[in-house]
Amino acid sequence: MTTLTNDQIRQLNMYSTYVTPPAHPLFTLKQLQDIDFLSIVQAVTGIDNRTVAASYLMRRYGMFASIQFVMLATYDELWLGGLDDLQFAANVEYGNKSISMYINKIHYVDVENLPRQVLIQKILKDQIHSLIKKIREHSSVSPLTLWENVFGFLLWHYSVMLSDSSTSKQARIDLEILKSDEVWDGIAPKSLFNTYLKGLEPAHLLNTTVRTTCCFSKDVPGLIKCGFCPLG
């Protein structure tokens, strides 16, 4: 266990992840195997389409998943709790009914001396790919849409970390691992993130239509079309 600083907690909160118990808990990652969680997402948000609800949930979770890479590159720390240690809960953000993530800070671990590729593969396979597979059991949403819902946040985080002298060296190392095909073994034949980047630096893709699929944010009550939308 490691101790989170106030700045780390602030970073988590900026991406709808909180370290205090939720007021309105809905379900944990573990409970997804037993319940119709997309119907719950629809009831909370007012989304009337199941595919849109599936993409929405992954975009929300993508904020937590992407901040894992920030914690890794900036602090050599990771949240390594179990499936029953991450809760989704109803929340209100900017006047909209939303779903946020709630975790316990005791599950953050110092991973400085652990193999980097193993850690990054653990995030990809155990914390992202596993949820994508579960969502796909309940919806026909494209797996690429779900991955791109995470990549949009990663794009921003790496553009920021690579431009900061205090994080650029480690961020570059982590990014190159993410771009390697080896770390995607058991998930995809080649690096999906490298394909997403199209051979360009993250900063060069900001404010462009980098996505190849629509995330349907335009169909979520209270939201608008995202800035990466390929629909123009």
C-alpha atoms as a PDB file:
ATOM      1  CA  MET A   1       0.000   0.000   0.000  1.00  0.00           C
ATOM      2  CA  THR A   2       1.095   3.557  -0.701  1.00  0.00           C
ATOM      3  CA  THR A   3      -0.277   6.909   0.414  1.00  0.00           C
ATOM      4  CA  LEU A   4      -2.021   9.088  -2.159  1.00  0.00           C
ATOM      5  CA  THR A   5      -1.246  12.797  -2.117  1.00  0.00           C
ATOM      6  CA  ASN A   6      -3.939  15.440  -2.316  1.00  0.00           C
ATOM      7  CA  ASP A   7      -2.801  16.151  -5.883  1.00  0.00           C
ATOM      8  CA  GLN A   8      -3.278  12.509  -6.864  1.00  0.00           C
ATOM      9  CA  ILE A   9      -6.762  12.487  -5.360  1.00  0.00           C
ATOM     10  CA  ARG A  10      -7.551  15.693  -7.242  1.00  0.00           C
ATOM     11  CA  GLN A  11      -6.397  14.076 -10.489  1.00  0.00           C
ATOM     12  CA  LEU A  12      -8.654  11.100  -9.858  1.00  0.00           C
ATOM     13  CA  ASN A  13     -11.619  13.345  -9.084  1.00  0.00           C
ATOM     14  CA  MET A  14     -11.074  15.241 -12.343  1.00  0.00           C
ATOM     15  CA  TYR A  15     -11.713  11.946 -14.117  1.00  0.00           C
ATOM     16  CA  SER A  16     -14.818  10.979 -12.146  1.00  0.00           C
ATOM     17  CA  THR A  17     -12.985   8.571  -9.850  1.00  0.00           C
ATOM     18  CA  TYR A  18     -13.386   9.009  -6.119  1.00  0.00           C
ATOM     19  CA  VAL A  19     -11.812   7.483  -3.014  1.00  0.00           C
ATOM     20  CA  THR A  20     -14.762   8.069  -0.671  1.00  0.00           C
ATOM     21  CA  PRO A  21     -17.737   5.663  -0.345  1.00  0.00           C
ATOM     22  CA  PRO A  22     -20.479   6.447  -2.889  1.00  0.00           C
ATOM     23  CA  ALA A  23     -23.832   7.854  -1.839  1.00  0.00           C
ATOM     24  CA  HIS A  24     -25.709   5.824  -4.461  1.00  0.00           C
ATOM     25  CA  PRO A  25     -23.817   2.582  -5.249  1.00  0.00           C
ATOM     26  CA  LEU A  26     -25.038   0.592  -8.242  1.00  0.00           C
ATOM     27  CA  PHE A  27     -22.745  -2.380  -8.830  1.00  0.00           C
ATOM     28  CA  THR A  28     -19.124  -3.514  -8.711  1.00  0.00           C
ATOM     29  CA  LEU A  29     -16.978  -4.870 -11.521  1.00  0.00           C
ATOM     30  CA  LYS A  30     -17.466  -8.323 -10.045  1.00  0.00           C
ATOM     31  CA  GLN A  31     -21.262  -8.049 -10.032  1.00  0.00           C
ATOM     32  CA  LEU A  32     -21.366  -7.416 -13.785  1.00  0.00           C
ATOM     33  CA  GLN A  33     -21.432 -11.174 -14.334  1.00  0.00           C
ATOM     34  CA  ASP A  34     -24.697 -11.533 -12.411  1.00  0.00           C
ATOM     35  CA  ILE A  35     -26.881  -8.550 -13.349  1.00  0.00           C
ATOM     36  CA  ASP A  36     -28.298  -6.666 -16.328  1.00  0.00           C
ATOM     37  CA  PHE A  37     -26.053  -3.691 -15.669  1.00  0.00           C
ATOM     38  CA  LEU A  38     -26.839  -1.869 -18.916  1.00  0.00           C
ATOM     39  CA  SER A  39     -30.486  -1.526 -17.899  1.00  0.00           C
ATOM     40  CA  ILE A  40     -29.272   0.110 -14.690  1.00  0.00           C
ATOM     41  CA  VAL A  41     -27.064   2.489 -16.696  1.00  0.00           C
ATOM     42  CA  GLN A  42     -30.067   3.404 -18.842  1.00  0.00           C
ATOM     43  CA  ALA A  43     -32.285   3.992 -15.817  1.00  0.00           C
ATOM     44  CA  VAL A  44     -29.744   6.342 -14.213  1.00  0.00           C
ATOM     45  CA  THR A  45     -28.775   8.334 -17.307  1.00  0.00           C
ATOM     46  CA  GLY A  46     -31.982   8.358 -19.327  1.00  0.00           C
ATOM     47  CA  ILE A  47     -30.235   6.752 -22.309  1.00  0.00           C
ATOM     48  CA  ASP A  48     -32.891   4.960 -24.369  1.00  0.00           C
ATOM     49  CA  ASN A  49     -30.577   2.807 -26.497  1.00  0.00           C
ATOM     50  CA  ARG A  50     -28.670  -0.202 -25.178  1.00  0.00           C
ATOM     51  CA  THR A  51     -25.686   0.217 -27.503  1.00  0.00           C
ATOM     52  CA  VAL A  52     -25.346   3.865 -26.502  1.00  0.00           C
ATOM     53  CA  ALA A  53     -25.506   2.849 -22.832  1.00  0.00           C
ATOM     54  CA  ALA A  54     -22.737   0.284 -23.384  1.00  0.00           C
ATOM     55  CA  SER A  55     -20.467   2.856 -25.015  1.00  0.00           C
ATOM     56  CA  TYR A  56     -21.285   5.418 -22.329  1.00  0.00           C
ATOM     57  CA  LEU A  57     -20.316   3.053 -19.526  1.00  0.00           C
ATOM     58  CA  MET A  58     -16.997   2.291 -21.213  1.00  0.00           C
ATOM     59  CA  ARG A  59     -16.256   5.978 -21.698  1.00  0.00           C
ATOM     60  CA  ARG A  60     -16.859   6.562 -18.018  1.00  0.00           C
ATOM     61  CA  TYR A  61     -14.666   3.625 -17.032  1.00  0.00           C
ATOM     62  CA  GLY A  62     -12.120   4.767 -19.600  1.00  0.00           C
ATOM     63  CA  MET A  63     -11.422   7.790 -17.435  1.00  0.00           C
ATOM     64  CA  PHE A  64     -10.348   5.559 -14.553  1.00  0.00           C
ATOM     65  CA  ALA A  65      -8.466   3.131 -16.811  1.00  0.00           C
ATOM     66  CA  SER A  66      -6.529   5.933 -18.508  1.00  0.00           C
ATOM     67  CA  ILE A  67      -5.568   7.616 -15.238  1.00  0.00           C
ATOM     68  CA  GLN A  68      -3.870   4.332 -14.302  1.00  0.00           C
ATOM     69  CA  PHE A  69      -1.244   5.126 -16.946  1.00  0.00           C
ATOM     70  CA  VAL A  70      -0.817   8.614 -15.497  1.00  0.00           C
ATOM     71  CA  MET A  71      -0.254   7.208 -12.009  1.00  0.00           C
ATOM     72  CA  LEU A  72       2.180   4.678 -13.444  1.00  0.00           C
ATOM     73  CA  ALA A  73       4.313   7.158 -15.393  1.00  0.00           C
ATOM     74  CA  THR A  74       4.162   9.975 -12.844  1.00  0.00           C
ATOM     75  CA  TYR A  75       4.331   8.181  -9.507  1.00  0.00           C
ATOM     76  CA  ASP A  76       5.221   4.514 -10.209  1.00  0.00           C
ATOM     77  CA  GLU A  77       1.952   3.617  -8.499  1.00  0.00           C
ATOM     78  CA  LEU A  78      -1.065   1.597  -9.599  1.00  0.00           C
ATOM     79  CA  TRP A  79      -4.475   0.718  -8.250  1.00  0.00           C
ATOM     80  CA  LEU A  80      -4.441  -3.082  -7.993  1.00  0.00           C
ATOM     81  CA  GLY A  81      -7.724  -3.818  -6.237  1.00  0.00           C
ATOM     82  CA  GLY A  82      -9.933  -6.771  -7.116  1.00  0.00           C
ATOM     83  CA  LEU A  83     -13.111  -6.831  -9.202  1.00  0.00           C
ATOM     84  CA  ASP A  84     -15.237  -6.316  -6.108  1.00  0.00           C
ATOM     85  CA  ASP A  85     -13.164  -3.292  -5.049  1.00  0.00           C
ATOM     86  CA  LEU A  86     -14.293  -0.926  -7.815  1.00  0.00           C
ATOM     87  CA  GLN A  87     -17.831   0.398  -7.542  1.00  0.00           C
ATOM     88  CA  PHE A  88     -19.929   2.206 -10.114  1.00  0.00           C
ATOM     89  CA  ALA A  89     -22.352   4.669  -8.555  1.00  0.00           C
ATOM     90  CA  ALA A  90     -24.900   7.280  -9.575  1.00  0.00           C
ATOM     91  CA  ASN A  91     -23.648  10.837  -9.496  1.00  0.00           C
ATOM     92  CA  VAL A  92     -24.506  14.305 -10.837  1.00  0.00           C
ATOM     93  CA  GLU A  93     -21.886  16.111 -12.904  1.00  0.00           C
ATOM     94  CA  TYR A  94     -22.450  19.500 -14.526  1.00  0.00           C
ATOM     95  CA  GLY A  95     -26.166  19.070 -13.990  1.00  0.00           C
ATOM     96  CA  ASN A  96     -26.330  15.668 -15.696  1.00  0.00           C
ATOM     97  CA  LYS A  97     -27.128  12.337 -14.104  1.00  0.00           C
ATOM     98  CA  SER A  98     -23.934  10.350 -14.477  1.00  0.00           C
ATOM     99  CA  ILE A  99     -22.115   7.224 -13.374  1.00  0.00           C
ATOM    100  CA  SER A 100     -18.765   7.525 -11.623  1.00  0.00           C
ATOM    101  CA  MET A 101     -16.149   5.125 -10.278  1.00  0.00           C
ATOM    102  CA  TYR A 102     -15.363   4.676  -6.596  1.00  0.00           C
ATOM    103  CA  ILE A 103     -12.262   2.939  -5.275  1.00  0.00           C
ATOM    104  CA  ASN A 104     -10.391   2.533  -1.998  1.00  0.00           C
ATOM    105  CA  LYS A 105      -7.020   4.266  -1.896  1.00  0.00           C
ATOM    106  CA  ILE A 106      -5.535   1.431   0.164  1.00  0.00           C
ATOM    107  CA  HIS A 107      -5.325  -0.574  -3.058  1.00  0.00           C
ATOM    108  CA  TYR A 108      -2.676   1.689  -4.580  1.00  0.00           C
ATOM    109  CA  VAL A 109       0.682  -0.070  -4.721  1.00  0.00           C
ATOM    110  CA  ASP A 110       4.251   1.095  -5.341  1.00  0.00           C
ATOM    111  CA  VAL A 111       5.285  -0.756  -8.509  1.00  0.00           C
ATOM    112  CA  GLU A 112       8.606   0.945  -9.252  1.00  0.00           C
ATOM    113  CA  ASN A 113      10.568  -2.303  -9.114  1.00  0.00           C
ATOM    114  CA  LEU A 114       8.114  -4.454 -11.069  1.00  0.00           C
ATOM    115  CA  PRO A 115       8.483  -5.234 -14.811  1.00  0.00           C
ATOM    116  CA  ARG A 116       6.879  -2.430 -16.802  1.00  0.00           C
ATOM    117  CA  GLN A 117       5.515  -4.588 -19.605  1.00  0.00           C
ATOM    118  CA  VAL A 118       3.850  -6.930 -17.110  1.00  0.00           C
ATOM    119  CA  LEU A 119       2.159  -3.985 -15.385  1.00  0.00           C
ATOM    120  CA  ILE A 120       0.906  -2.430 -18.612  1.00  0.00           C
ATOM    121  CA  GLN A 121      -0.371  -5.770 -19.874  1.00  0.00           C
ATOM    122  CA  LYS A 122      -2.199  -6.242 -16.569  1.00  0.00           C
ATOM    123  CA  ILE A 123      -4.015  -2.934 -17.049  1.00  0.00           C
ATOM    124  CA  LEU A 124      -4.876  -3.763 -20.650  1.00  0.00           C
ATOM    125  CA  LYS A 125      -5.976  -7.344 -20.091  1.00  0.00           C
ATOM    126  CA  ASP A 126      -7.348  -7.487 -16.537  1.00  0.00           C
ATOM    127  CA  GLN A 127      -8.768  -3.991 -16.161  1.00  0.00           C
ATOM    128  CA  ILE A 128      -9.872  -3.000 -19.681  1.00  0.00           C
ATOM    129  CA  HIS A 129     -10.194  -6.022 -21.958  1.00  0.00           C
ATOM    130  CA  SER A 130     -12.078  -7.993 -19.292  1.00  0.00           C
ATOM    131  CA  LEU A 131     -14.747  -5.258 -19.044  1.00  0.00           C
ATOM    132  CA  ILE A 132     -14.997  -4.967 -22.825  1.00  0.00           C
ATOM    133  CA  LYS A 133     -15.706  -8.695 -23.051  1.00  0.00           C
ATOM    134  CA  LYS A 134     -18.377  -8.408 -20.365  1.00  0.00           C
ATOM    135  CA  ILE A 135     -20.054  -5.443 -22.057  1.00  0.00           C
ATOM    136  CA  ARG A 136     -20.021  -7.323 -25.357  1.00  0.00           C
ATOM    137  CA  GLU A 137     -22.007 -10.120 -23.729  1.00  0.00           C
ATOM    138  CA  HIS A 138     -24.818  -7.621 -23.138  1.00  0.00           C
ATOM    139  CA  SER A 139     -24.598  -5.458 -26.262  1.00  0.00           C
ATOM    140  CA  SER A 140     -23.660  -5.599 -29.936  1.00  0.00           C
ATOM    141  CA  VAL A 141     -21.449  -2.512 -29.612  1.00  0.00           C
ATOM    142  CA  SER A 142     -18.182  -2.763 -31.532  1.00  0.00           C
ATOM    143  CA  PRO A 143     -15.143  -3.712 -29.424  1.00  0.00           C
ATOM    144  CA  LEU A 144     -13.159  -1.079 -31.330  1.00  0.00           C
ATOM    145  CA  THR A 145     -15.633   1.566 -30.189  1.00  0.00           C
ATOM    146  CA  LEU A 146     -15.034   0.496 -26.598  1.00  0.00           C
ATOM    147  CA  TRP A 147     -11.249   0.556 -26.962  1.00  0.00           C
ATOM    148  CA  GLU A 148     -11.366   3.973 -28.620  1.00  0.00           C
ATOM    149  CA  ASN A 149     -13.406   5.204 -25.657  1.00  0.00           C
ATOM    150  CA  VAL A 150     -10.282   4.599 -23.561  1.00  0.00           C
ATOM    151  CA  PHE A 151      -7.782   5.741 -26.183  1.00  0.00           C
ATOM    152  CA  GLY A 152      -9.214   9.247 -26.382  1.00  0.00           C
ATOM    153  CA  PHE A 153      -8.276   9.860 -22.755  1.00  0.00           C
ATOM    154  CA  LEU A 154      -4.896   8.148 -23.193  1.00  0.00           C
ATOM    155  CA  LEU A 155      -4.140  10.412 -26.138  1.00  0.00           C
ATOM    156  CA  TRP A 156      -4.636  13.491 -23.987  1.00  0.00           C
ATOM    157  CA  HIS A 157      -2.713  12.122 -20.999  1.00  0.00           C
ATOM    158  CA  TYR A 158       0.335  11.147 -23.039  1.00  0.00           C
ATOM    159  CA  SER A 159       0.369  14.453 -24.902  1.00  0.00           C
ATOM    160  CA  VAL A 160       0.531  16.207 -21.521  1.00  0.00           C
ATOM    161  CA  MET A 161       3.077  13.862 -19.922  1.00  0.00           C
ATOM    162  CA  LEU A 162       5.393  13.898 -22.946  1.00  0.00           C
ATOM    163  CA  SER A 163       5.465  17.697 -22.905  1.00  0.00           C
ATOM    164  CA  ASP A 164       6.423  17.829 -19.193  1.00  0.00           C
ATOM    165  CA  SER A 165      10.119  17.351 -18.419  1.00  0.00           C
ATOM    166  CA  SER A 166       9.293  15.687 -15.097  1.00  0.00           C
ATOM    167  CA  THR A 167       7.282  12.891 -16.736  1.00  0.00           C
ATOM    168  CA  SER A 168       8.423  12.776 -20.365  1.00  0.00           C
ATOM    169  CA  LYS A 169      11.139  10.115 -19.969  1.00  0.00           C
ATOM    170  CA  GLN A 170       8.966   7.523 -18.233  1.00  0.00           C
ATOM    171  CA  ALA A 171       5.914   8.394 -20.318  1.00  0.00           C
ATOM    172  CA  ARG A 172       7.941   7.729 -23.468  1.00  0.00           C
ATOM    173  CA  ILE A 173       9.023   4.327 -22.157  1.00  0.00           C
ATOM    174  CA  ASP A 174       5.453   3.389 -21.257  1.00  0.00           C
ATOM    175  CA  LEU A 175       4.091   4.663 -24.570  1.00  0.00           C
ATOM    176  CA  GLU A 176       6.557   2.573 -26.561  1.00  0.00           C
ATOM    177  CA  ILE A 177       5.463  -0.497 -24.596  1.00  0.00           C
ATOM    178  CA  LEU A 178       1.823   0.337 -25.345  1.00  0.00           C
ATOM    179  CA  LYS A 179       2.704   0.610 -29.036  1.00  0.00           C
ATOM    180  CA  SER A 180       4.423  -2.784 -29.066  1.00  0.00           C
ATOM    181  CA  ASP A 181       2.537  -5.826 -30.319  1.00  0.00           C
ATOM    182  CA  GLU A 182       3.923  -8.024 -27.534  1.00  0.00           C
ATOM    183  CA  VAL A 183       2.039  -6.289 -24.721  1.00  0.00           C
ATOM    184  CA  TRP A 184      -1.240  -6.936 -26.576  1.00  0.00           C
ATOM    185  CA  ASP A 185      -0.675 -10.698 -26.675  1.00  0.00           C
ATOM    186  CA  GLY A 186      -3.918 -12.461 -25.764  1.00  0.00           C
ATOM    187  CA  ILE A 187      -5.929  -9.318 -26.523  1.00  0.00           C
ATOM    188  CA  ALA A 188      -5.326  -8.492 -30.185  1.00  0.00           C
ATOM    189  CA  PRO A 189      -2.952  -9.596 -32.985  1.00  0.00           C
ATOM    190  CA  LYS A 190      -1.188  -6.218 -32.876  1.00  0.00           C
ATOM    191  CA  SER A 191      -1.171  -3.056 -30.783  1.00  0.00           C
ATOM    192  CA  LEU A 192      -4.557  -1.388 -31.086  1.00  0.00           C
ATOM    193  CA  PHE A 193      -3.163   1.806 -29.606  1.00  0.00           C
ATOM    194  CA  ASN A 194      -0.367   1.968 -32.153  1.00  0.00           C
ATOM    195  CA  THR A 195      -2.957   1.590 -34.917  1.00  0.00           C
ATOM    196  CA  TYR A 196      -5.012   4.361 -33.316  1.00  0.00           C
ATOM    197  CA  LEU A 197      -1.995   6.698 -33.293  1.00  0.00           C
ATOM    198  CA  LYS A 198      -1.424   6.174 -37.046  1.00  0.00           C
ATOM    199  CA  GLY A 199       2.332   6.579 -36.605  1.00  0.00           C
ATOM    200  CA  LEU A 200       1.937  10.071 -35.135  1.00  0.00           C
ATOM    201  CA  GLU A 201       2.725  11.602 -31.762  1.00  0.00           C
ATOM    202  CA  PRO A 202      -0.238  11.983 -29.364  1.00  0.00           C
ATOM    203  CA  ALA A 203       0.027  15.784 -29.434  1.00  0.00           C
ATOM    204  CA  HIS A 204      -0.325  15.782 -33.225  1.00  0.00           C
ATOM    205  CA  LEU A 205      -3.694  14.034 -33.010  1.00  0.00           C
ATOM    206  CA  LEU A 206      -5.382  16.362 -30.546  1.00  0.00           C
ATOM    207  CA  ASN A 207      -8.436  18.130 -31.978  1.00  0.00           C
ATOM    208  CA  THR A 208      -8.505  15.818 -34.994  1.00  0.00           C
ATOM    209  CA  THR A 209     -10.981  13.148 -36.061  1.00  0.00           C
ATOM    210  CA  VAL A 210      -8.639  10.441 -34.824  1.00  0.00           C
ATOM    211  CA  ARG A 211     -11.444   7.998 -34.009  1.00  0.00           C
ATOM    212  CA  THR A 212     -12.627   5.484 -36.599  1.00  0.00           C
ATOM    213  CA  THR A 213     -15.896   4.774 -34.745  1.00  0.00           C
ATOM    214  CA  CYS A 214     -18.546   6.970 -33.126  1.00  0.00           C
ATOM    215  CA  CYS A 215     -18.804   6.818 -29.310  1.00  0.00           C
ATOM    216  CA  PHE A 216     -22.473   7.959 -29.395  1.00  0.00           C
ATOM    217  CA  SER A 217     -21.944  10.740 -26.844  1.00  0.00           C
ATOM    218  CA  LYS A 218     -24.225  12.833 -29.071  1.00  0.00           C
ATOM    219  CA  ASP A 219     -27.037  10.435 -28.145  1.00  0.00           C
ATOM    220  CA  VAL A 220     -26.555  10.725 -24.375  1.00  0.00           C
ATOM    221  CA  PRO A 221     -28.933  13.168 -22.642  1.00  0.00           C
ATOM    222  CA  GLY A 222     -27.023  16.302 -21.685  1.00  0.00           C
ATOM    223  CA  LEU A 223     -23.936  15.539 -23.796  1.00  0.00           C
ATOM    224  CA  ILE A 224     -22.789  16.608 -27.258  1.00  0.00           C
ATOM    225  CA  LYS A 225     -20.755  15.045 -30.057  1.00  0.00           C
ATOM    226  CA  CYS A 226     -17.150  14.473 -28.971  1.00  0.00           C
ATOM    227  CA  GLY A 227     -14.275  16.307 -30.645  1.00  0.00           C
ATOM    228  CA  PHE A 228     -12.779  13.132 -32.133  1.00  0.00           C
ATOM    229  CA  CYS A 229     -15.944  12.045 -33.955  1.00  0.00           C
ATOM    230  CA  PRO A 230     -15.356  10.588 -37.448  1.00  0.00           C
ATOM    231  CA  LEU A 231     -18.864  11.530 -38.555  1.00  0.00           C
ATOM    232  CA  GLY A 232     -17.822  15.139 -39.139  1.00  0.00           C
END
